[in-house]
PDB file of N, CA and C in Angstrom:
ATOM      1  N   MET A   1      48.281 -45.083  69.656  1.00  0.00           N
ATOM      2  CA  MET A   1      46.856 -44.916  69.826  1.00  0.00           C
ATOM      3  C   MET A   1      46.148 -46.174  69.321  1.00  0.00           C
ATOM      4  N   TYR A   2      45.226 -46.677  70.111  1.00  0.00           N
ATOM      5  CA  TYR A   2      44.490 -47.883  69.765  1.00  0.00           C
ATOM      6  C   TYR A   2      43.040 -47.538  69.478  1.00  0.00           C
ATOM      7  N   ILE A   3      42.488 -48.234  68.511  1.00  0.00           N
ATOM      8  CA  ILE A   3      41.073 -48.088  68.202  1.00  0.00           C
ATOM      9  C   ILE A   3      40.366 -49.335  68.704  1.00  0.00           C
ATOM     10  N   ILE A   4      39.332 -49.123  69.490  1.00  0.00           N
ATOM     11  CA  ILE A   4      38.596 -50.243  70.060  1.00  0.00           C
ATOM     12  C   ILE A   4      37.261 -50.362  69.329  1.00  0.00           C
ATOM     13  N   PHE A   5      36.973 -51.535  68.838  1.00  0.00           N
ATOM     14  CA  PHE A   5      35.698 -51.799  68.181  1.00  0.00           C
ATOM     15  C   PHE A   5      34.801 -52.561  69.144  1.00  0.00           C
ATOM     16  N   ILE A   6      33.609 -52.064  69.305  1.00  0.00           N
ATOM     17  CA  ILE A   6      32.632 -52.722  70.172  1.00  0.00           C
ATOM     18  C   ILE A   6      31.477 -53.177  69.296  1.00  0.00           C
ATOM     19  N   LYS A   7      31.120 -54.420  69.407  1.00  0.00           N
ATOM     20  CA  LYS A   7      30.034 -54.980  68.594  1.00  0.00           C
ATOM     21  C   LYS A   7      28.700 -54.349  68.970  1.00  0.00           C
ATOM     22  N   ASN A   8      27.834 -54.231  67.961  1.00  0.00           N
ATOM     23  CA  ASN A   8      26.503 -53.666  68.183  1.00  0.00           C
ATOM     24  C   ASN A   8      25.722 -54.468  69.212  1.00  0.00           C
ATOM     25  N   GLU A   9      25.884 -55.802  69.173  1.00  0.00           N
ATOM     26  CA  GLU A   9      25.160 -56.645  70.116  1.00  0.00           C
ATOM     27  C   GLU A   9      25.542 -56.303  71.555  1.00  0.00           C
ATOM     28  N   LYS A  10      26.820 -56.051  71.783  1.00  0.00           N
ATOM     29  CA  LYS A  10      27.287 -55.714  73.127  1.00  0.00           C
ATOM     30  C   LYS A  10      26.724 -54.359  73.562  1.00  0.00           C
ATOM     31  N   THR A  11      26.725 -53.407  72.650  1.00  0.00           N
ATOM     32  CA  THR A  11      26.188 -52.079  72.964  1.00  0.00           C
ATOM     33  C   THR A  11      24.711 -52.165  73.302  1.00  0.00           C
ATOM     34  N   ARG A  12      23.932 -52.909  72.485  1.00  0.00           N
ATOM     35  CA  ARG A  12      22.501 -53.072  72.769  1.00  0.00           C
ATOM     36  C   ARG A  12      22.289 -53.752  74.115  1.00  0.00           C
ATOM     37  N   GLU A  13      23.121 -54.739  74.413  1.00  0.00           N
ATOM     38  CA  GLU A  13      23.001 -55.449  75.686  1.00  0.00           C
ATOM     39  C   GLU A  13      23.252 -54.500  76.853  1.00  0.00           C
ATOM     40  N   GLU A  14      24.281 -53.661  76.738  1.00  0.00           N
ATOM     41  CA  GLU A  14      24.615 -52.723  77.811  1.00  0.00           C
ATOM     42  C   GLU A  14      23.529 -51.664  77.988  1.00  0.00           C
ATOM     43  N   LEU A  15      22.902 -51.264  76.880  1.00  0.00           N
ATOM     44  CA  LEU A  15      21.864 -50.236  76.950  1.00  0.00           C
ATOM     45  C   LEU A  15      20.489 -50.805  77.273  1.00  0.00           C
ATOM     46  N   GLY A  16      20.372 -52.115  77.194  1.00  0.00           N
ATOM     47  CA  GLY A  16      19.088 -52.745  77.466  1.00  0.00           C
ATOM     48  C   GLY A  16      18.125 -52.660  76.297  1.00  0.00           C
ATOM     49  N   ALA A  17      18.638 -52.389  75.117  1.00  0.00           N
ATOM     50  CA  ALA A  17      17.788 -52.311  73.923  1.00  0.00           C
ATOM     51  C   ALA A  17      17.565 -53.727  73.400  1.00  0.00           C
ATOM     52  N   GLU A  18      16.307 -54.089  73.216  1.00  0.00           N
ATOM     53  CA  GLU A  18      15.990 -55.446  72.800  1.00  0.00           C
ATOM     54  C   GLU A  18      15.936 -55.617  71.297  1.00  0.00           C
ATOM     55  N   GLU A  19      15.635 -54.538  70.550  1.00  0.00           N
ATOM     56  CA  GLU A  19      15.538 -54.674  69.108  1.00  0.00           C
ATOM     57  C   GLU A  19      16.541 -53.757  68.414  1.00  0.00           C
ATOM     58  N   THR A  20      16.952 -54.173  67.231  1.00  0.00           N
ATOM     59  CA  THR A  20      17.890 -53.376  66.460  1.00  0.00           C
ATOM     60  C   THR A  20      17.156 -52.202  65.822  1.00  0.00           C
ATOM     61  N   VAL A  21      17.919 -51.259  65.314  1.00  0.00           N
ATOM     62  CA  VAL A  21      17.325 -50.110  64.636  1.00  0.00           C
ATOM     63  C   VAL A  21      16.536 -50.579  63.422  1.00  0.00           C
ATOM     64  N   THR A  22      17.084 -51.534  62.681  1.00  0.00           N
ATOM     65  CA  THR A  22      16.407 -52.063  61.504  1.00  0.00           C
ATOM     66  C   THR A  22      15.074 -52.703  61.883  1.00  0.00           C
ATOM     67  N   GLU A  23      15.060 -53.492  62.941  1.00  0.00           N
ATOM     68  CA  GLU A  23      13.814 -54.117  63.395  1.00  0.00           C
ATOM     69  C   GLU A  23      12.798 -53.067  63.817  1.00  0.00           C
ATOM     70  N   LYS A  24      13.270 -52.017  64.477  1.00  0.00           N
ATOM     71  CA  LYS A  24      12.372 -50.958  64.916  1.00  0.00           C
ATOM     72  C   LYS A  24      11.759 -50.235  63.719  1.00  0.00           C
ATOM     73  N   ILE A  25      12.570 -49.959  62.701  1.00  0.00           N
ATOM     74  CA  ILE A  25      12.070 -49.297  61.493  1.00  0.00           C
ATOM     75  C   ILE A  25      11.032 -50.177  60.806  1.00  0.00           C
ATOM     76  N   LYS A  26      11.329 -51.469  60.669  1.00  0.00           N
ATOM     77  CA  LYS A  26      10.378 -52.384  60.034  1.00  0.00           C
ATOM     78  C   LYS A  26       9.065 -52.431  60.796  1.00  0.00           C
ATOM     79  N   ARG A  27       9.151 -52.463  62.111  1.00  0.00           N
ATOM     80  CA  ARG A  27       7.936 -52.496  62.937  1.00  0.00           C
ATOM     81  C   ARG A  27       7.127 -51.223  62.754  1.00  0.00           C
ATOM     82  N   ARG A  28       7.793 -50.074  62.700  1.00  0.00           N
ATOM     83  CA  ARG A  28       7.091 -48.797  62.525  1.00  0.00           C
ATOM     84  C   ARG A  28       6.448 -48.702  61.145  1.00  0.00           C
ATOM     85  N   ILE A  29       7.129 -49.225  60.110  1.00  0.00           N
ATOM     86  CA  ILE A  29       6.561 -49.230  58.756  1.00  0.00           C
ATOM     87  C   ILE A  29       5.278 -50.051  58.740  1.00  0.00           C
ATOM     88  N   LEU A  30       5.322 -51.237  59.359  1.00  0.00           N
ATOM     89  CA  LEU A  30       4.139 -52.092  59.373  1.00  0.00           C
ATOM     90  C   LEU A  30       3.026 -51.492  60.227  1.00  0.00           C
ATOM     91  N   THR A  31       3.388 -50.777  61.278  1.00  0.00           N
ATOM     92  CA  THR A  31       2.383 -50.103  62.096  1.00  0.00           C
ATOM     93  C   THR A  31       1.673 -49.035  61.271  1.00  0.00           C
ATOM     94  N   TRP A  32       2.447 -48.253  60.529  1.00  0.00           N
ATOM     95  CA  TRP A  32       1.851 -47.220  59.675  1.00  0.00           C
ATOM     96  C   TRP A  32       0.982 -47.852  58.590  1.00  0.00           C
ATOM     97  N   PHE A  33       1.467 -48.938  57.995  1.00  0.00           N
ATOM     98  CA  PHE A  33       0.688 -49.646  56.988  1.00  0.00           C
ATOM     99  C   PHE A  33      -0.656 -50.075  57.571  1.00  0.00           C
ATOM    100  N   GLY A  34      -0.647 -50.596  58.788  1.00  0.00           N
ATOM    101  CA  GLY A  34      -1.884 -51.013  59.446  1.00  0.00           C
ATOM    102  C   GLY A  34      -2.828 -49.846  59.687  1.00  0.00           C
ATOM    103  N   GLN A  35      -2.274 -48.690  60.076  1.00  0.00           N
ATOM    104  CA  GLN A  35      -3.108 -47.514  60.312  1.00  0.00           C
ATOM    105  C   GLN A  35      -3.750 -47.029  59.010  1.00  0.00           C
ATOM    106  N   VAL A  36      -2.973 -47.015  57.931  1.00  0.00           N
ATOM    107  CA  VAL A  36      -3.500 -46.576  56.637  1.00  0.00           C
ATOM    108  C   VAL A  36      -4.546 -47.570  56.142  1.00  0.00           C
ATOM    109  N   GLU A  37      -4.306 -48.845  56.368  1.00  0.00           N
ATOM    110  CA  GLU A  37      -5.247 -49.889  55.933  1.00  0.00           C
ATOM    111  C   GLU A  37      -6.599 -49.735  56.617  1.00  0.00           C
ATOM    112  N   LYS A  38      -6.618 -49.235  57.843  1.00  0.00           N
ATOM    113  CA  LYS A  38      -7.865 -49.074  58.589  1.00  0.00           C
ATOM    114  C   LYS A  38      -8.647 -47.827  58.185  1.00  0.00           C
ATOM    115  N   MET A  39      -7.989 -46.886  57.496  1.00  0.00           N
ATOM    116  CA  MET A  39      -8.644 -45.629  57.112  1.00  0.00           C
ATOM    117  C   MET A  39      -9.723 -45.869  56.067  1.00  0.00           C
ATOM    118  N   GLU A  40     -10.644 -44.913  55.974  1.00  0.00           N
ATOM    119  CA  GLU A  40     -11.656 -44.956  54.918  1.00  0.00           C
ATOM    120  C   GLU A  40     -10.959 -44.811  53.573  1.00  0.00           C
ATOM    121  N   GLY A  41     -11.565 -45.376  52.549  1.00  0.00           N
ATOM    122  CA  GLY A  41     -10.982 -45.334  51.223  1.00  0.00           C
ATOM    123  C   GLY A  41     -10.843 -43.945  50.640  1.00  0.00           C
ATOM    124  N   LYS A  42     -11.640 -42.989  51.124  1.00  0.00           N
ATOM    125  CA  LYS A  42     -11.622 -41.626  50.600  1.00  0.00           C
ATOM    126  C   LYS A  42     -10.428 -40.823  51.113  1.00  0.00           C
ATOM    127  N   ARG A  43      -9.843 -41.235  52.211  1.00  0.00           N
ATOM    128  CA  ARG A  43      -8.752 -40.467  52.796  1.00  0.00           C
ATOM    129  C   ARG A  43      -7.504 -40.569  51.930  1.00  0.00           C
ATOM    130  N   LEU A  44      -6.759 -39.495  51.864  1.00  0.00           N
ATOM    131  CA  LEU A  44      -5.623 -39.389  50.963  1.00  0.00           C
ATOM    132  C   LEU A  44      -4.562 -40.474  51.163  1.00  0.00           C
ATOM    133  N   PRO A  45      -4.119 -40.779  52.393  1.00  0.00           N
ATOM    134  CA  PRO A  45      -3.102 -41.824  52.540  1.00  0.00           C
ATOM    135  C   PRO A  45      -3.573 -43.181  52.010  1.00  0.00           C
ATOM    136  N   ASN A  46      -4.838 -43.526  52.253  1.00  0.00           N
ATOM    137  CA  ASN A  46      -5.372 -44.795  51.779  1.00  0.00           C
ATOM    138  C   ASN A  46      -5.485 -44.787  50.256  1.00  0.00           C
ATOM    139  N   ALA A  47      -5.945 -43.680  49.690  1.00  0.00           N
ATOM    140  CA  ALA A  47      -6.048 -43.570  48.235  1.00  0.00           C
ATOM    141  C   ALA A  47      -4.667 -43.667  47.597  1.00  0.00           C
ATOM    142  N   ALA A  48      -3.668 -43.041  48.207  1.00  0.00           N
ATOM    143  CA  ALA A  48      -2.302 -43.095  47.675  1.00  0.00           C
ATOM    144  C   ALA A  48      -1.737 -44.512  47.773  1.00  0.00           C
ATOM    145  N   LEU A  49      -2.068 -45.214  48.850  1.00  0.00           N
ATOM    146  CA  LEU A  49      -1.586 -46.582  49.030  1.00  0.00           C
ATOM    147  C   LEU A  49      -2.146 -47.510  47.970  1.00  0.00           C
ATOM    148  N   ARG A  50      -3.402 -47.342  47.625  1.00  0.00           N
ATOM    149  CA  ARG A  50      -4.058 -48.225  46.669  1.00  0.00           C
ATOM    150  C   ARG A  50      -3.981 -47.725  45.228  1.00  0.00           C
ATOM    151  N   GLY A  51      -3.539 -46.499  45.031  1.00  0.00           N
ATOM    152  CA  GLY A  51      -3.507 -45.912  43.698  1.00  0.00           C
ATOM    153  C   GLY A  51      -2.418 -46.508  42.819  1.00  0.00           C
ATOM    154  N   HIS A  52      -2.649 -46.424  41.538  1.00  0.00           N
ATOM    155  CA  HIS A  52      -1.671 -46.902  40.567  1.00  0.00           C
ATOM    156  C   HIS A  52      -1.335 -45.758  39.626  1.00  0.00           C
ATOM    157  N   ILE A  53      -0.078 -45.609  39.330  1.00  0.00           N
ATOM    158  CA  ILE A  53       0.371 -44.561  38.430  1.00  0.00           C
ATOM    159  C   ILE A  53       0.625 -45.180  37.073  1.00  0.00           C
ATOM    160  N   ARG A  54       0.098 -44.549  36.064  1.00  0.00           N
ATOM    161  CA  ARG A  54       0.305 -45.051  34.713  1.00  0.00           C
ATOM    162  C   ARG A  54       1.681 -44.649  34.230  1.00  0.00           C
ATOM    163  N   GLY A  55       2.214 -45.458  33.338  1.00  0.00           N
ATOM    164  CA  GLY A  55       3.515 -45.148  32.773  1.00  0.00           C
ATOM    165  C   GLY A  55       4.480 -46.301  32.991  1.00  0.00           C
ATOM    166  N   GLU A  56       5.667 -46.103  32.535  1.00  0.00           N
ATOM    167  CA  GLU A  56       6.686 -47.143  32.649  1.00  0.00           C
ATOM    168  C   GLU A  56       7.794 -46.678  33.572  1.00  0.00           C
ATOM    169  N   ARG A  57       8.404 -47.630  34.218  1.00  0.00           N
ATOM    170  CA  ARG A  57       9.553 -47.330  35.055  1.00  0.00           C
ATOM    171  C   ARG A  57      10.795 -47.352  34.187  1.00  0.00           C
ATOM    172  N   SER A  58      11.805 -46.665  34.598  1.00  0.00           N
ATOM    173  CA  SER A  58      13.026 -46.564  33.804  1.00  0.00           C
ATOM    174  C   SER A  58      13.760 -47.906  33.743  1.00  0.00           C
ATOM    175  N   ARG A  59      14.688 -47.992  32.830  1.00  0.00           N
ATOM    176  CA  ARG A  59      15.461 -49.215  32.662  1.00  0.00           C
ATOM    177  C   ARG A  59      16.428 -49.402  33.827  1.00  0.00           C
ATOM    178  N   GLY A  60      16.928 -50.624  33.936  1.00  0.00           N
ATOM    179  CA  GLY A  60      17.921 -50.914  34.969  1.00  0.00           C
ATOM    180  C   GLY A  60      17.284 -51.386  36.257  1.00  0.00           C
ATOM    181  N   ARG A  61      18.124 -51.550  37.256  1.00  0.00           N
ATOM    182  CA  ARG A  61      17.629 -51.997  38.557  1.00  0.00           C
ATOM    183  C   ARG A  61      16.739 -50.910  39.145  1.00  0.00           C
ATOM    184  N   GLN A  62      15.553 -51.320  39.548  1.00  0.00           N
ATOM    185  CA  GLN A  62      14.576 -50.376  40.057  1.00  0.00           C
ATOM    186  C   GLN A  62      14.835 -50.064  41.527  1.00  0.00           C
ATOM    187  N   ARG A  63      14.554 -48.831  41.892  1.00  0.00           N
ATOM    188  CA  ARG A  63      14.638 -48.457  43.293  1.00  0.00           C
ATOM    189  C   ARG A  63      13.466 -49.101  44.020  1.00  0.00           C
ATOM    190  N   LYS A  64      13.678 -49.417  45.280  1.00  0.00           N
ATOM    191  CA  LYS A  64      12.598 -50.016  46.058  1.00  0.00           C
ATOM    192  C   LYS A  64      11.540 -48.979  46.363  1.00  0.00           C
ATOM    193  N   ARG A  65      10.311 -49.396  46.231  1.00  0.00           N
ATOM    194  CA  ARG A  65       9.190 -48.558  46.604  1.00  0.00           C
ATOM    195  C   ARG A  65       8.796 -48.900  48.041  1.00  0.00           C
ATOM    196  N   TRP A  66       8.002 -48.041  48.634  1.00  0.00           N
ATOM    197  CA  TRP A  66       7.594 -48.243  50.014  1.00  0.00           C
ATOM    198  C   TRP A  66       6.859 -49.570  50.168  1.00  0.00           C
ATOM    199  N   MET A  67       5.983 -49.877  49.210  1.00  0.00           N
ATOM    200  CA  MET A  67       5.215 -51.117  49.279  1.00  0.00           C
ATOM    201  C   MET A  67       6.104 -52.344  49.102  1.00  0.00           C
ATOM    202  N   ASP A  68       7.221 -52.217  48.388  1.00  0.00           N
ATOM    203  CA  ASP A  68       8.155 -53.337  48.273  1.00  0.00           C
ATOM    204  C   ASP A  68       8.700 -53.695  49.656  1.00  0.00           C
ATOM    205  N   ASN A  69       9.028 -52.684  50.436  1.00  0.00           N
ATOM    206  CA  ASN A  69       9.518 -52.919  51.798  1.00  0.00           C
ATOM    207  C   ASN A  69       8.429 -53.511  52.683  1.00  0.00           C
ATOM    208  N   VAL A  70       7.211 -53.014  52.559  1.00  0.00           N
ATOM    209  CA  VAL A  70       6.097 -53.544  53.348  1.00  0.00           C
ATOM    210  C   VAL A  70       5.894 -55.017  53.018  1.00  0.00           C
ATOM    211  N   ARG A  71       5.891 -55.337  51.718  1.00  0.00           N
ATOM    212  CA  ARG A  71       5.696 -56.721  51.270  1.00  0.00           C
ATOM    213  C   ARG A  71       6.778 -57.633  51.871  1.00  0.00           C
ATOM    214  N   GLU A  72       8.037 -57.196  51.813  1.00  0.00           N
ATOM    215  CA  GLU A  72       9.135 -58.000  52.372  1.00  0.00           C
ATOM    216  C   GLU A  72       8.987 -58.179  53.879  1.00  0.00           C
ATOM    217  N   ASP A  73       8.652 -57.102  54.586  1.00  0.00           N
ATOM    218  CA  ASP A  73       8.509 -57.178  56.038  1.00  0.00           C
ATOM    219  C   ASP A  73       7.356 -58.094  56.450  1.00  0.00           C
ATOM    220  N   LEU A  74       6.266 -58.047  55.702  1.00  0.00           N
ATOM    221  CA  LEU A  74       5.145 -58.940  55.986  1.00  0.00           C
ATOM    222  C   LEU A  74       5.532 -60.396  55.739  1.00  0.00           C
ATOM    223  N   GLU A  75       6.232 -60.644  54.639  1.00  0.00           N
ATOM    224  CA  GLU A  75       6.620 -62.012  54.312  1.00  0.00           C
ATOM    225  C   GLU A  75       7.607 -62.576  55.324  1.00  0.00           C
ATOM    226  N   GLU A  76       8.456 -61.707  55.917  1.00  0.00           N
ATOM    227  CA  GLU A  76       9.358 -62.156  56.987  1.00  0.00           C
ATOM    228  C   GLU A  76       8.555 -62.681  58.174  1.00  0.00           C
ATOM    229  N   ARG A  77       7.371 -62.124  58.366  1.00  0.00           N
ATOM    230  CA  ARG A  77       6.507 -62.531  59.480  1.00  0.00           C
ATOM    231  C   ARG A  77       5.501 -63.596  59.066  1.00  0.00           C
ATOM    232  N   GLY A  78       5.605 -64.072  57.819  1.00  0.00           N
ATOM    233  CA  GLY A  78       4.732 -65.144  57.350  1.00  0.00           C
ATOM    234  C   GLY A  78       3.344 -64.677  56.951  1.00  0.00           C
ATOM    235  N   ILE A  79       3.203 -63.403  56.577  1.00  0.00           N
ATOM    236  CA  ILE A  79       1.907 -62.857  56.190  1.00  0.00           C
ATOM    237  C   ILE A  79       1.992 -62.425  54.731  1.00  0.00           C
ATOM    238  N   GLN A  80       1.014 -62.813  53.943  1.00  0.00           N
ATOM    239  CA  GLN A  80       0.962 -62.388  52.553  1.00  0.00           C
ATOM    240  C   GLN A  80       0.303 -61.014  52.469  1.00  0.00           C
ATOM    241  N   LEU A  81       0.742 -60.201  51.517  1.00  0.00           N
ATOM    242  CA  LEU A  81       0.194 -58.859  51.359  1.00  0.00           C
ATOM    243  C   LEU A  81      -1.302 -58.899  51.071  1.00  0.00           C
ATOM    244  N   SER A  82      -1.735 -59.852  50.261  1.00  0.00           N
ATOM    245  CA  SER A  82      -3.164 -59.949  49.938  1.00  0.00           C
ATOM    246  C   SER A  82      -3.988 -60.233  51.191  1.00  0.00           C
ATOM    247  N   THR A  83      -3.438 -61.007  52.109  1.00  0.00           N
ATOM    248  CA  THR A  83      -4.126 -61.296  53.369  1.00  0.00           C
ATOM    249  C   THR A  83      -4.205 -60.035  54.220  1.00  0.00           C
ATOM    250  N   ALA A  84      -3.116 -59.273  54.263  1.00  0.00           N
ATOM    251  CA  ALA A  84      -3.090 -58.051  55.071  1.00  0.00           C
ATOM    252  C   ALA A  84      -4.061 -57.024  54.525  1.00  0.00           C
ATOM    253  N   PHE A  85      -4.170 -56.908  53.194  1.00  0.00           N
ATOM    254  CA  PHE A  85      -5.107 -55.980  52.589  1.00  0.00           C
ATOM    255  C   PHE A  85      -6.544 -56.407  52.849  1.00  0.00           C
ATOM    256  N   GLY A  86      -6.799 -57.680  52.862  1.00  0.00           N
ATOM    257  CA  GLY A  86      -8.167 -58.175  52.957  1.00  0.00           C
ATOM    258  C   GLY A  86      -8.757 -58.160  54.348  1.00  0.00           C
ATOM    259  N   LYS A  87      -7.952 -58.005  55.386  1.00  0.00           N
ATOM    260  CA  LYS A  87      -8.448 -58.121  56.756  1.00  0.00           C
ATOM    261  C   LYS A  87      -9.473 -57.061  57.116  1.00  0.00           C
ATOM    262  N   ASN A  88      -9.326 -55.836  56.612  1.00  0.00           N
ATOM    263  CA  ASN A  88     -10.218 -54.756  57.014  1.00  0.00           C
ATOM    264  C   ASN A  88     -11.243 -54.422  55.955  1.00  0.00           C
ATOM    265  N   GLN A  89     -11.330 -55.191  54.898  1.00  0.00           N
ATOM    266  CA  GLN A  89     -12.309 -54.938  53.856  1.00  0.00           C
ATOM    267  C   GLN A  89     -13.586 -55.708  54.150  1.00  0.00           C
ATOM    268  N   GLU A  90     -14.704 -55.018  54.146  1.00  0.00           N
ATOM    269  CA  GLU A  90     -15.968 -55.703  54.393  1.00  0.00           C
ATOM    270  C   GLU A  90     -16.995 -55.242  53.408  1.00  0.00           C
TER     271      GLU A  90
END
């Protein structure tokens, strides 16, 4: 019995998929971030995005927070988080 390994790139090419799952997830995260950024400040998602929790984080390597991923995804595209936050503020 033989096991055949097919590369992800070949599978995407055969299916006609242009972006990887990771790229799609990153794009959806940034889309949601943009939608929340456009909301009024009183709305719960926007308040949660801008809110700060008091206290200390536990010792050791910290788990990634949602905003850590947003920050990384924006920086991959050459956009600073402060710039993204400031676009809809007037």
